[in-house]
């Protein structure tokens, strides 16, 4: 999983990528990327 994000006060934005890259063998690289946003309280 790889994540990068930004926080300013109570606001949070994060981009996250999850992948099963099959490092040790052949196969498809099936993964997903998501943009998360939130508010802290």
N, C-alpha and C. Protein backbone atom coordinates (compact mmCIF):
# COMPACT_ATOMS: atom_id res chain seq x y z
N UNK A 1 0.85 -1.17 0.00
CA UNK A 1 0.00 0.00 0.00
C UNK A 1 0.89 1.23 0.00
N UNK A 2 0.54 2.21 -0.80
CA UNK A 2 1.25 3.47 -0.87
C UNK A 2 0.25 4.60 -0.60
N UNK A 3 0.64 5.53 0.26
CA UNK A 3 -0.25 6.64 0.61
C UNK A 3 0.50 7.95 0.57
N UNK A 4 -0.19 8.99 0.17
CA UNK A 4 0.34 10.35 0.23
C UNK A 4 -0.83 11.25 0.60
N UNK A 5 -0.57 12.23 1.47
CA UNK A 5 -1.68 13.05 1.91
C UNK A 5 -1.29 14.44 2.30
N UNK A 6 -2.31 15.22 2.66
CA UNK A 6 -2.15 16.63 3.04
C UNK A 6 -3.13 16.91 4.16
N UNK A 7 -2.68 17.67 5.15
CA UNK A 7 -3.54 18.06 6.27
C UNK A 7 -3.34 19.53 6.57
N UNK A 8 -4.45 20.24 6.75
CA UNK A 8 -4.40 21.66 7.09
C UNK A 8 -5.49 21.91 8.12
N UNK A 9 -5.09 22.05 9.37
CA UNK A 9 -6.08 22.25 10.43
C UNK A 9 -6.92 21.01 10.62
N UNK A 10 -8.21 21.13 10.34
CA UNK A 10 -9.11 20.00 10.54
C UNK A 10 -9.39 19.22 9.26
N UNK A 11 -8.89 19.68 8.11
CA UNK A 11 -9.17 19.03 6.83
C UNK A 11 -8.03 18.09 6.43
N UNK A 12 -8.39 16.91 5.91
CA UNK A 12 -7.42 15.90 5.50
C UNK A 12 -7.79 15.40 4.11
N UNK A 13 -6.79 15.29 3.21
CA UNK A 13 -6.98 14.69 1.89
C UNK A 13 -5.85 13.69 1.69
N UNK A 14 -6.19 12.47 1.23
CA UNK A 14 -5.17 11.43 1.07
C UNK A 14 -5.43 10.65 -0.21
N UNK A 15 -4.36 10.34 -0.94
CA UNK A 15 -4.42 9.49 -2.12
C UNK A 15 -3.75 8.17 -1.74
N UNK A 16 -4.46 7.07 -1.94
CA UNK A 16 -3.95 5.76 -1.51
C UNK A 16 -4.05 4.77 -2.66
N UNK A 17 -2.99 3.98 -2.86
CA UNK A 17 -2.98 2.94 -3.90
C UNK A 17 -2.69 1.60 -3.24
N UNK A 18 -3.54 0.61 -3.52
CA UNK A 18 -3.38 -0.74 -3.00
C UNK A 18 -3.24 -1.67 -4.20
N UNK A 19 -2.22 -2.56 -4.17
CA UNK A 19 -1.95 -3.40 -5.33
C UNK A 19 -1.42 -4.76 -4.89
N UNK A 20 -1.76 -5.81 -5.63
CA UNK A 20 -1.14 -7.12 -5.45
C UNK A 20 -0.23 -7.35 -6.65
N UNK A 21 0.96 -6.81 -6.61
CA UNK A 21 1.84 -6.71 -7.77
C UNK A 21 2.48 -8.04 -8.17
N UNK A 22 2.26 -9.12 -7.45
CA UNK A 22 2.87 -10.42 -7.77
C UNK A 22 4.37 -10.28 -7.98
N UNK A 23 5.07 -9.83 -6.95
CA UNK A 23 6.51 -9.58 -7.04
C UNK A 23 7.28 -10.86 -7.37
N UNK A 24 6.83 -12.02 -6.88
CA UNK A 24 7.58 -13.26 -7.05
C UNK A 24 7.07 -14.14 -8.19
N UNK A 25 6.16 -13.65 -9.00
CA UNK A 25 5.66 -14.50 -10.08
C UNK A 25 4.88 -13.71 -11.12
N UNK A 26 4.44 -14.43 -12.15
CA UNK A 26 3.67 -13.79 -13.22
C UNK A 26 2.23 -13.59 -12.77
N UNK A 27 1.56 -12.72 -13.43
CA UNK A 27 0.15 -12.48 -13.13
C UNK A 27 -0.21 -11.04 -13.37
N UNK A 28 -1.50 -10.80 -13.31
CA UNK A 28 -1.99 -9.45 -13.51
C UNK A 28 -1.76 -8.60 -12.27
N UNK A 29 -1.53 -7.33 -12.47
CA UNK A 29 -1.37 -6.38 -11.37
C UNK A 29 -2.73 -5.74 -11.13
N UNK A 30 -3.53 -6.38 -10.30
CA UNK A 30 -4.86 -5.87 -9.99
C UNK A 30 -4.75 -4.97 -8.77
N UNK A 31 -5.20 -3.75 -8.89
CA UNK A 31 -5.10 -2.82 -7.77
C UNK A 31 -6.17 -1.76 -7.86
N UNK A 32 -6.17 -0.89 -6.88
CA UNK A 32 -7.13 0.20 -6.88
C UNK A 32 -6.49 1.44 -6.28
N UNK A 33 -6.92 2.58 -6.74
CA UNK A 33 -6.47 3.87 -6.23
C UNK A 33 -7.69 4.61 -5.73
N UNK A 34 -7.56 5.21 -4.55
CA UNK A 34 -8.70 5.93 -3.98
C UNK A 34 -8.28 7.28 -3.45
N UNK A 35 -9.16 8.23 -3.52
CA UNK A 35 -8.97 9.56 -2.98
C UNK A 35 -9.87 9.68 -1.76
N UNK A 36 -9.27 9.93 -0.60
CA UNK A 36 -10.02 10.03 0.65
C UNK A 36 -9.99 11.46 1.14
N UNK A 37 -11.08 11.92 1.68
CA UNK A 37 -11.16 13.26 2.25
C UNK A 37 -11.91 13.19 3.57
N UNK A 38 -11.48 14.00 4.53
CA UNK A 38 -12.14 13.96 5.81
C UNK A 38 -11.97 15.23 6.61
N UNK A 39 -12.69 15.27 7.73
CA UNK A 39 -12.65 16.40 8.65
C UNK A 39 -12.42 15.83 10.05
N UNK A 40 -11.42 16.35 10.76
CA UNK A 40 -11.16 15.92 12.14
C UNK A 40 -12.01 16.72 13.09
N UNK A 41 -12.44 16.10 14.18
CA UNK A 41 -13.12 16.85 15.24
C UNK A 41 -12.79 16.28 16.57
